[in-house]
N, C-alpha and C. Protein backbone atom coordinates (compact mmCIF):
# COMPACT_ATOMS: atom_id res chain seq x y z
N MET A 1 16.79 0.48 3.58
CA MET A 1 17.01 1.40 2.47
C MET A 1 16.02 1.14 1.33
N VAL A 2 15.62 -0.11 1.15
CA VAL A 2 14.66 -0.45 0.10
C VAL A 2 13.31 0.21 0.38
N THR A 3 12.90 0.19 1.64
CA THR A 3 11.61 0.79 2.00
C THR A 3 11.63 2.29 1.75
N ILE A 4 12.72 2.95 2.10
CA ILE A 4 12.84 4.39 1.86
C ILE A 4 12.81 4.68 0.37
N SER A 5 13.51 3.89 -0.41
CA SER A 5 13.53 4.08 -1.87
C SER A 5 12.13 3.89 -2.46
N LEU A 6 11.43 2.84 -2.03
CA LEU A 6 10.06 2.63 -2.51
C LEU A 6 9.17 3.82 -2.18
N TYR A 7 9.30 4.31 -0.96
CA TYR A 7 8.51 5.45 -0.51
C TYR A 7 8.77 6.67 -1.41
N LEU A 8 10.04 7.00 -1.61
CA LEU A 8 10.38 8.18 -2.41
C LEU A 8 9.99 8.03 -3.88
N ILE A 9 10.24 6.88 -4.44
CA ILE A 9 9.87 6.65 -5.85
C ILE A 9 8.36 6.81 -6.03
N ALA A 10 7.59 6.25 -5.10
CA ALA A 10 6.14 6.35 -5.21
C ALA A 10 5.67 7.79 -5.10
N ILE A 11 6.23 8.56 -4.18
CA ILE A 11 5.84 9.97 -4.04
C ILE A 11 6.15 10.74 -5.32
N VAL A 12 7.36 10.58 -5.81
CA VAL A 12 7.79 11.33 -7.00
C VAL A 12 6.92 10.95 -8.21
N LEU A 13 6.69 9.66 -8.42
CA LEU A 13 5.85 9.24 -9.55
C LEU A 13 4.42 9.77 -9.42
N ALA A 14 3.88 9.73 -8.23
CA ALA A 14 2.52 10.25 -8.02
C ALA A 14 2.47 11.75 -8.26
N ASN A 15 3.46 12.49 -7.75
CA ASN A 15 3.47 13.95 -7.94
C ASN A 15 3.64 14.34 -9.40
N LEU A 16 4.58 13.69 -10.08
CA LEU A 16 4.81 14.04 -11.48
C LEU A 16 3.62 13.65 -12.36
N SER A 17 3.02 12.54 -12.06
CA SER A 17 1.83 12.11 -12.80
C SER A 17 0.67 13.09 -12.56
N SER A 18 0.50 13.55 -11.33
CA SER A 18 -0.55 14.53 -11.02
C SER A 18 -0.28 15.86 -11.72
N THR A 19 0.98 16.23 -11.81
CA THR A 19 1.35 17.46 -12.52
C THR A 19 0.99 17.35 -14.00
N PHE A 20 1.30 16.23 -14.60
CA PHE A 20 1.09 16.05 -16.02
C PHE A 20 -0.38 15.83 -16.38
N PHE A 21 -1.07 14.96 -15.63
CA PHE A 21 -2.44 14.58 -15.98
C PHE A 21 -3.53 15.30 -15.19
N GLY A 22 -3.18 15.98 -14.11
CA GLY A 22 -4.17 16.69 -13.30
C GLY A 22 -5.03 15.74 -12.48
N PRO A 23 -6.22 16.21 -12.09
CA PRO A 23 -7.09 15.41 -11.22
C PRO A 23 -7.46 14.04 -11.80
N SER A 24 -7.42 13.90 -13.11
CA SER A 24 -7.81 12.62 -13.71
C SER A 24 -6.85 11.48 -13.33
N ALA A 25 -5.63 11.82 -12.91
CA ALA A 25 -4.67 10.78 -12.49
C ALA A 25 -4.81 10.43 -11.02
N SER A 26 -5.60 11.18 -10.28
CA SER A 26 -5.67 11.06 -8.83
C SER A 26 -6.03 9.66 -8.33
N ILE A 27 -7.01 9.05 -8.93
CA ILE A 27 -7.47 7.77 -8.40
C ILE A 27 -6.48 6.65 -8.74
N ALA A 28 -5.95 6.65 -9.94
CA ALA A 28 -4.94 5.65 -10.29
C ALA A 28 -3.69 5.83 -9.43
N ASN A 29 -3.26 7.08 -9.24
CA ASN A 29 -2.11 7.35 -8.36
C ASN A 29 -2.37 6.87 -6.95
N ALA A 30 -3.59 7.13 -6.49
CA ALA A 30 -3.96 6.74 -5.12
C ALA A 30 -3.82 5.24 -4.93
N PHE A 31 -4.27 4.48 -5.90
CA PHE A 31 -4.21 3.02 -5.78
C PHE A 31 -2.78 2.51 -5.89
N LEU A 32 -2.08 2.94 -6.93
CA LEU A 32 -0.74 2.41 -7.19
C LEU A 32 0.33 2.95 -6.27
N PHE A 33 0.38 4.27 -6.13
CA PHE A 33 1.50 4.89 -5.45
C PHE A 33 1.24 5.28 -4.00
N ILE A 34 0.08 5.87 -3.74
CA ILE A 34 -0.16 6.36 -2.38
C ILE A 34 -0.47 5.20 -1.44
N GLY A 35 -1.16 4.20 -1.93
CA GLY A 35 -1.36 2.99 -1.12
C GLY A 35 -0.02 2.39 -0.71
N LEU A 36 0.94 2.42 -1.61
CA LEU A 36 2.29 1.94 -1.30
C LEU A 36 2.95 2.83 -0.25
N ASP A 37 2.82 4.14 -0.40
CA ASP A 37 3.40 5.05 0.58
C ASP A 37 2.80 4.86 1.97
N LEU A 38 1.50 4.72 2.03
CA LEU A 38 0.85 4.53 3.33
C LEU A 38 1.35 3.26 4.01
N THR A 39 1.54 2.22 3.24
CA THR A 39 1.97 0.94 3.79
C THR A 39 3.46 0.96 4.16
N THR A 40 4.30 1.56 3.31
CA THR A 40 5.72 1.63 3.65
C THR A 40 5.94 2.55 4.85
N ARG A 41 5.08 3.55 5.01
CA ARG A 41 5.19 4.43 6.17
C ARG A 41 5.05 3.61 7.46
N ASP A 42 4.14 2.65 7.46
CA ASP A 42 3.97 1.81 8.65
C ASP A 42 5.19 0.93 8.90
N LYS A 43 5.78 0.45 7.83
CA LYS A 43 7.01 -0.35 7.97
C LYS A 43 8.12 0.51 8.56
N LEU A 44 8.23 1.75 8.09
CA LEU A 44 9.23 2.67 8.63
C LEU A 44 8.90 3.04 10.08
N HIS A 45 7.62 3.15 10.38
CA HIS A 45 7.19 3.42 11.76
C HIS A 45 7.77 2.37 12.70
N GLU A 46 7.68 1.11 12.29
CA GLU A 46 8.23 0.02 13.11
C GLU A 46 9.75 0.10 13.20
N GLU A 47 10.41 0.39 12.08
CA GLU A 47 11.88 0.43 12.06
C GLU A 47 12.43 1.61 12.85
N TRP A 48 11.74 2.76 12.81
CA TRP A 48 12.25 3.98 13.42
C TRP A 48 11.64 4.28 14.78
N LYS A 49 10.76 3.43 15.28
CA LYS A 49 10.12 3.68 16.56
C LYS A 49 11.18 3.91 17.62
N ASN A 50 11.01 5.00 18.36
CA ASN A 50 11.93 5.41 19.43
C ASN A 50 13.33 5.78 18.92
N ARG A 51 13.46 5.99 17.60
CA ARG A 51 14.76 6.38 17.03
C ARG A 51 14.58 7.46 15.97
N GLY A 52 13.96 8.57 16.34
CA GLY A 52 13.83 9.70 15.43
C GLY A 52 12.71 9.56 14.41
N LEU A 53 11.67 8.86 14.75
CA LEU A 53 10.56 8.64 13.81
C LEU A 53 10.02 9.94 13.23
N VAL A 54 9.73 10.91 14.08
CA VAL A 54 9.07 12.14 13.62
C VAL A 54 9.97 12.92 12.67
N TRP A 55 11.21 13.17 13.05
CA TRP A 55 12.05 13.98 12.17
C TRP A 55 12.45 13.22 10.92
N LYS A 56 12.64 11.91 11.02
CA LYS A 56 12.99 11.12 9.82
C LYS A 56 11.82 11.10 8.84
N MET A 57 10.60 10.92 9.36
CA MET A 57 9.43 10.88 8.48
C MET A 57 9.21 12.25 7.84
N GLY A 58 9.38 13.31 8.63
CA GLY A 58 9.25 14.67 8.09
C GLY A 58 10.26 14.94 6.98
N LEU A 59 11.48 14.52 7.20
CA LEU A 59 12.53 14.68 6.19
C LEU A 59 12.20 13.89 4.92
N LEU A 60 11.69 12.69 5.09
CA LEU A 60 11.34 11.84 3.95
C LEU A 60 10.20 12.45 3.14
N ILE A 61 9.18 12.97 3.82
CA ILE A 61 8.06 13.62 3.14
C ILE A 61 8.56 14.83 2.34
N ALA A 62 9.36 15.67 2.99
CA ALA A 62 9.90 16.86 2.31
C ALA A 62 10.80 16.46 1.14
N ALA A 63 11.59 15.42 1.30
CA ALA A 63 12.49 14.98 0.23
C ALA A 63 11.72 14.54 -1.00
N GLY A 64 10.62 13.82 -0.80
CA GLY A 64 9.81 13.38 -1.94
C GLY A 64 9.25 14.56 -2.73
N SER A 65 8.77 15.55 -2.02
CA SER A 65 8.22 16.73 -2.69
C SER A 65 9.32 17.56 -3.35
N LEU A 66 10.46 17.70 -2.68
CA LEU A 66 11.58 18.44 -3.26
C LEU A 66 12.09 17.75 -4.52
N LEU A 67 12.24 16.44 -4.48
CA LEU A 67 12.67 15.70 -5.68
C LEU A 67 11.69 15.92 -6.84
N SER A 68 10.40 15.89 -6.54
CA SER A 68 9.39 16.11 -7.58
C SER A 68 9.58 17.48 -8.21
N TYR A 69 9.78 18.49 -7.38
CA TYR A 69 9.97 19.86 -7.85
C TYR A 69 11.26 20.00 -8.67
N LEU A 70 12.33 19.37 -8.20
CA LEU A 70 13.61 19.47 -8.92
C LEU A 70 13.56 18.78 -10.28
N ILE A 71 12.79 17.71 -10.38
CA ILE A 71 12.64 17.01 -11.66
C ILE A 71 11.77 17.81 -12.62
N ASN A 72 10.72 18.42 -12.10
CA ASN A 72 9.81 19.21 -12.94
C ASN A 72 9.32 20.41 -12.14
N ARG A 73 9.85 21.56 -12.44
CA ARG A 73 9.51 22.78 -11.68
C ARG A 73 8.03 23.15 -11.81
N ASN A 74 7.34 22.61 -12.80
CA ASN A 74 5.90 22.85 -12.93
C ASN A 74 5.09 22.12 -11.86
N SER A 75 5.75 21.28 -11.09
CA SER A 75 5.05 20.51 -10.07
C SER A 75 5.03 21.21 -8.70
N ALA A 76 5.34 22.50 -8.66
CA ALA A 76 5.44 23.21 -7.38
C ALA A 76 4.15 23.10 -6.56
N GLN A 77 3.01 23.39 -7.15
CA GLN A 77 1.74 23.33 -6.41
C GLN A 77 1.44 21.89 -5.95
N ILE A 78 1.70 20.93 -6.81
CA ILE A 78 1.49 19.52 -6.45
C ILE A 78 2.44 19.13 -5.32
N ALA A 79 3.69 19.58 -5.39
CA ALA A 79 4.67 19.25 -4.35
C ALA A 79 4.26 19.84 -3.00
N ILE A 80 3.75 21.06 -3.00
CA ILE A 80 3.27 21.68 -1.76
C ILE A 80 2.09 20.89 -1.21
N ALA A 81 1.13 20.58 -2.09
CA ALA A 81 -0.04 19.80 -1.66
C ALA A 81 0.38 18.44 -1.13
N SER A 82 1.35 17.83 -1.78
CA SER A 82 1.84 16.52 -1.36
C SER A 82 2.46 16.60 0.04
N THR A 83 3.28 17.62 0.26
CA THR A 83 3.91 17.79 1.57
C THR A 83 2.85 17.96 2.66
N LEU A 84 1.90 18.85 2.43
CA LEU A 84 0.86 19.10 3.44
C LEU A 84 0.00 17.87 3.67
N ALA A 85 -0.40 17.20 2.60
CA ALA A 85 -1.26 16.02 2.73
C ALA A 85 -0.53 14.87 3.42
N PHE A 86 0.73 14.63 3.02
CA PHE A 86 1.49 13.55 3.65
C PHE A 86 1.81 13.86 5.11
N ALA A 87 2.07 15.12 5.42
CA ALA A 87 2.34 15.47 6.82
C ALA A 87 1.09 15.24 7.67
N ALA A 88 -0.05 15.70 7.19
CA ALA A 88 -1.30 15.51 7.94
C ALA A 88 -1.64 14.02 8.04
N ALA A 89 -1.46 13.30 6.95
CA ALA A 89 -1.74 11.86 6.94
C ALA A 89 -0.76 11.10 7.83
N ALA A 90 0.51 11.52 7.84
CA ALA A 90 1.51 10.85 8.68
C ALA A 90 1.19 11.02 10.15
N LEU A 91 0.76 12.21 10.54
CA LEU A 91 0.37 12.43 11.94
C LEU A 91 -0.81 11.54 12.30
N THR A 92 -1.80 11.51 11.42
CA THR A 92 -2.98 10.68 11.65
C THR A 92 -2.58 9.21 11.71
N ASP A 93 -1.77 8.78 10.76
CA ASP A 93 -1.33 7.40 10.69
C ASP A 93 -0.57 7.00 11.96
N GLY A 94 0.33 7.86 12.40
CA GLY A 94 1.11 7.55 13.59
C GLY A 94 0.25 7.39 14.83
N VAL A 95 -0.72 8.28 14.99
CA VAL A 95 -1.61 8.21 16.15
C VAL A 95 -2.44 6.94 16.11
N VAL A 96 -3.04 6.65 14.97
CA VAL A 96 -3.89 5.46 14.85
C VAL A 96 -3.06 4.18 14.96
N TYR A 97 -1.90 4.16 14.33
CA TYR A 97 -1.02 2.98 14.39
C TYR A 97 -0.64 2.69 15.85
N HIS A 98 -0.29 3.75 16.58
CA HIS A 98 0.05 3.59 18.00
C HIS A 98 -1.17 3.14 18.80
N TRP A 99 -2.32 3.72 18.51
CA TRP A 99 -3.56 3.37 19.20
C TRP A 99 -3.90 1.89 19.00
N LEU A 100 -3.54 1.34 17.84
CA LEU A 100 -3.80 -0.07 17.52
C LEU A 100 -2.61 -0.97 17.88
N SER A 101 -1.73 -0.51 18.73
CA SER A 101 -0.49 -1.24 19.00
C SER A 101 -0.68 -2.66 19.53
N ASP A 102 -1.82 -2.95 20.14
CA ASP A 102 -2.03 -4.30 20.66
C ASP A 102 -2.70 -5.23 19.64
N ARG A 103 -2.87 -4.74 18.44
CA ARG A 103 -3.50 -5.52 17.36
C ARG A 103 -2.45 -6.22 16.51
N THR A 104 -2.93 -7.06 15.59
CA THR A 104 -2.01 -7.72 14.66
C THR A 104 -1.40 -6.69 13.72
N LYS A 105 -0.30 -7.06 13.09
CA LYS A 105 0.38 -6.17 12.15
C LYS A 105 -0.58 -5.73 11.03
N MET A 106 -1.33 -6.67 10.48
CA MET A 106 -2.27 -6.33 9.40
C MET A 106 -3.36 -5.37 9.88
N GLN A 107 -3.84 -5.53 11.09
CA GLN A 107 -4.86 -4.63 11.62
C GLN A 107 -4.28 -3.23 11.85
N LYS A 108 -3.06 -3.17 12.36
CA LYS A 108 -2.42 -1.87 12.57
C LYS A 108 -2.18 -1.16 11.23
N VAL A 109 -1.62 -1.90 10.29
CA VAL A 109 -1.30 -1.31 9.00
C VAL A 109 -2.57 -0.82 8.29
N ASN A 110 -3.56 -1.67 8.18
CA ASN A 110 -4.75 -1.30 7.41
C ASN A 110 -5.68 -0.37 8.18
N GLY A 111 -5.70 -0.46 9.50
CA GLY A 111 -6.48 0.48 10.29
C GLY A 111 -5.92 1.89 10.20
N SER A 112 -4.60 2.01 10.33
CA SER A 112 -3.98 3.33 10.22
C SER A 112 -4.03 3.84 8.78
N ASN A 113 -3.94 2.93 7.81
CA ASN A 113 -4.07 3.34 6.41
C ASN A 113 -5.43 3.94 6.12
N ALA A 114 -6.49 3.37 6.69
CA ALA A 114 -7.85 3.89 6.46
C ALA A 114 -7.96 5.32 6.95
N ALA A 115 -7.46 5.58 8.16
CA ALA A 115 -7.54 6.93 8.72
C ALA A 115 -6.68 7.91 7.93
N SER A 116 -5.44 7.53 7.64
CA SER A 116 -4.56 8.45 6.92
C SER A 116 -4.99 8.64 5.47
N ALA A 117 -5.58 7.61 4.87
CA ALA A 117 -6.08 7.74 3.49
C ALA A 117 -7.20 8.78 3.42
N LEU A 118 -8.05 8.80 4.43
CA LEU A 118 -9.13 9.79 4.45
C LEU A 118 -8.57 11.21 4.54
N VAL A 119 -7.65 11.42 5.46
CA VAL A 119 -7.04 12.75 5.62
C VAL A 119 -6.33 13.17 4.34
N ASP A 120 -5.50 12.30 3.80
CA ASP A 120 -4.76 12.59 2.58
C ASP A 120 -5.70 12.89 1.40
N SER A 121 -6.79 12.15 1.34
CA SER A 121 -7.74 12.30 0.22
C SER A 121 -8.49 13.62 0.25
N VAL A 122 -8.62 14.22 1.41
CA VAL A 122 -9.26 15.54 1.50
C VAL A 122 -8.23 16.63 1.25
N VAL A 123 -7.07 16.53 1.90
CA VAL A 123 -6.07 17.61 1.83
C VAL A 123 -5.44 17.72 0.45
N PHE A 124 -4.97 16.61 -0.12
CA PHE A 124 -4.20 16.70 -1.37
C PHE A 124 -4.98 17.35 -2.52
N PRO A 125 -6.13 16.83 -2.94
CA PRO A 125 -6.77 17.45 -4.10
C PRO A 125 -7.25 18.87 -3.83
N THR A 126 -7.62 19.16 -2.59
CA THR A 126 -8.08 20.51 -2.27
C THR A 126 -6.96 21.52 -2.43
N VAL A 127 -5.77 21.20 -1.95
CA VAL A 127 -4.63 22.11 -2.08
C VAL A 127 -4.06 22.06 -3.50
N ALA A 128 -3.93 20.88 -4.07
CA ALA A 128 -3.31 20.74 -5.39
C ALA A 128 -4.12 21.39 -6.50
N PHE A 129 -5.43 21.23 -6.45
CA PHE A 129 -6.27 21.68 -7.55
C PHE A 129 -7.19 22.84 -7.19
N GLY A 130 -7.06 23.34 -5.96
CA GLY A 130 -7.73 24.58 -5.58
C GLY A 130 -9.18 24.50 -5.16
N SER A 131 -9.74 23.31 -5.04
CA SER A 131 -11.12 23.21 -4.58
C SER A 131 -11.40 21.82 -4.04
N LEU A 132 -12.42 21.75 -3.21
CA LEU A 132 -12.84 20.46 -2.68
C LEU A 132 -13.62 19.74 -3.77
N MET A 133 -13.17 18.54 -4.13
CA MET A 133 -13.81 17.76 -5.18
C MET A 133 -14.31 16.45 -4.57
N PRO A 134 -15.57 16.42 -4.13
CA PRO A 134 -16.08 15.27 -3.39
C PRO A 134 -15.91 13.92 -4.11
N LEU A 135 -16.14 13.86 -5.41
CA LEU A 135 -16.00 12.59 -6.11
C LEU A 135 -14.54 12.13 -6.17
N ILE A 136 -13.64 13.07 -6.33
CA ILE A 136 -12.21 12.74 -6.32
C ILE A 136 -11.81 12.27 -4.92
N VAL A 137 -12.32 12.95 -3.88
CA VAL A 137 -12.00 12.57 -2.49
C VAL A 137 -12.48 11.14 -2.22
N ILE A 138 -13.71 10.84 -2.59
CA ILE A 138 -14.26 9.50 -2.36
C ILE A 138 -13.48 8.45 -3.16
N GLY A 139 -13.23 8.75 -4.43
CA GLY A 139 -12.47 7.82 -5.28
C GLY A 139 -11.06 7.60 -4.77
N GLN A 140 -10.40 8.69 -4.35
CA GLN A 140 -9.04 8.55 -3.82
C GLN A 140 -9.03 7.75 -2.53
N PHE A 141 -9.99 8.03 -1.65
CA PHE A 141 -10.02 7.29 -0.39
C PHE A 141 -10.14 5.79 -0.64
N ALA A 142 -11.09 5.41 -1.47
CA ALA A 142 -11.28 3.97 -1.75
C ALA A 142 -10.03 3.38 -2.39
N ALA A 143 -9.45 4.09 -3.35
CA ALA A 143 -8.26 3.59 -4.05
C ALA A 143 -7.06 3.48 -3.10
N LYS A 144 -6.88 4.46 -2.22
CA LYS A 144 -5.76 4.42 -1.27
C LYS A 144 -5.94 3.27 -0.29
N PHE A 145 -7.16 3.12 0.20
CA PHE A 145 -7.40 2.05 1.17
C PHE A 145 -7.16 0.68 0.54
N PHE A 146 -7.77 0.43 -0.63
CA PHE A 146 -7.61 -0.88 -1.25
C PHE A 146 -6.20 -1.08 -1.81
N GLY A 147 -5.59 -0.01 -2.32
CA GLY A 147 -4.20 -0.09 -2.75
C GLY A 147 -3.27 -0.39 -1.59
N GLY A 148 -3.51 0.28 -0.45
CA GLY A 148 -2.71 0.01 0.75
C GLY A 148 -2.88 -1.42 1.23
N PHE A 149 -4.11 -1.92 1.16
CA PHE A 149 -4.37 -3.31 1.56
C PHE A 149 -3.59 -4.27 0.65
N LEU A 150 -3.66 -4.03 -0.65
CA LEU A 150 -2.92 -4.88 -1.59
C LEU A 150 -1.41 -4.81 -1.32
N TRP A 151 -0.89 -3.61 -1.11
CA TRP A 151 0.54 -3.47 -0.83
C TRP A 151 0.90 -4.14 0.49
N SER A 152 0.01 -4.10 1.48
CA SER A 152 0.33 -4.76 2.75
C SER A 152 0.46 -6.27 2.55
N ILE A 153 -0.30 -6.81 1.63
CA ILE A 153 -0.18 -8.24 1.31
C ILE A 153 1.10 -8.49 0.51
N LEU A 154 1.34 -7.66 -0.49
CA LEU A 154 2.54 -7.84 -1.32
C LEU A 154 3.83 -7.65 -0.54
N LEU A 155 3.82 -6.77 0.44
CA LEU A 155 5.02 -6.54 1.25
C LEU A 155 5.11 -7.53 2.41
N ARG A 156 4.19 -8.47 2.42
CA ARG A 156 4.21 -9.62 3.32
C ARG A 156 4.08 -9.29 4.80
N TYR A 157 3.27 -8.31 5.12
CA TYR A 157 3.00 -8.06 6.53
C TYR A 157 2.33 -9.27 7.15
N HIS A 158 1.56 -9.98 6.34
CA HIS A 158 0.82 -11.12 6.88
C HIS A 158 1.73 -12.27 7.30
N LYS A 159 2.95 -12.34 6.79
CA LYS A 159 3.85 -13.45 7.12
C LYS A 159 4.60 -13.22 8.43
N GLU A 160 4.49 -12.03 9.00
CA GLU A 160 5.20 -11.75 10.23
C GLU A 160 4.48 -12.30 11.44
N GLU A 161 3.26 -12.78 11.27
CA GLU A 161 2.48 -13.29 12.38
C GLU A 161 1.94 -14.67 12.02
N PRO A 162 1.79 -15.53 13.00
CA PRO A 162 1.19 -16.83 12.70
C PRO A 162 -0.29 -16.67 12.38
N THR A 163 -0.76 -17.51 11.51
CA THR A 163 -2.18 -17.53 11.22
C THR A 163 -2.90 -18.11 12.43
N PRO A 164 -4.00 -17.46 12.90
CA PRO A 164 -4.65 -17.94 14.13
C PRO A 164 -4.99 -19.43 14.10
N ILE A 165 -5.44 -19.95 12.99
CA ILE A 165 -5.82 -21.34 12.90
C ILE A 165 -4.59 -22.24 13.06
N LEU A 166 -3.49 -21.86 12.45
CA LEU A 166 -2.28 -22.66 12.52
C LEU A 166 -1.56 -22.55 13.86
N SER A 167 -1.80 -21.46 14.58
CA SER A 167 -1.09 -21.27 15.83
C SER A 167 -1.80 -21.91 17.02
N GLN A 168 -2.99 -22.43 16.81
CA GLN A 168 -3.71 -23.08 17.92
C GLN A 168 -3.15 -24.48 18.13
N ARG A 169 -3.07 -24.86 19.39
CA ARG A 169 -2.59 -26.21 19.71
C ARG A 169 -3.71 -27.22 19.48
N ARG A 170 -3.30 -28.36 19.03
CA ARG A 170 -4.27 -29.44 18.88
C ARG A 170 -4.42 -30.16 20.21
N SER A 171 -5.63 -30.59 20.52
CA SER A 171 -5.82 -31.31 21.78
C SER A 171 -5.88 -32.78 21.57
């Protein structure tokens, strides 16, 4: 439940901030909030695997956008862009995360975050603000990737696996 709450809070804060500040908030939102969403999505992927992952993730994405709209009706365009971007990014993330299934948790999380951050960074500002903004896309991508990496460390994905050096037997 904590992971779901973190996911929803981050979406709502990012959407409302984008509504209020416009494109200028995009890069800060990407680092703080979207990086968190990308990383918590992977945690939910593990928890919901083979137990309704697709419909649960779809419902969660829609709920975040709906909550944003209900809190501030001026966020309608941002909420639509958020839904489309998160849906496209979630599909990308799921495919890449599954493709990396034989890798370490950190490699899966950050590898899938890189792919989904790119998709999200193109779709969101283009739909939200009505045009392709290359500098915003590049800035958002970098911020989402590094924010996701930081969140993966803070959420302790690295502690779920032994460190290679420590797990080797001494001879």
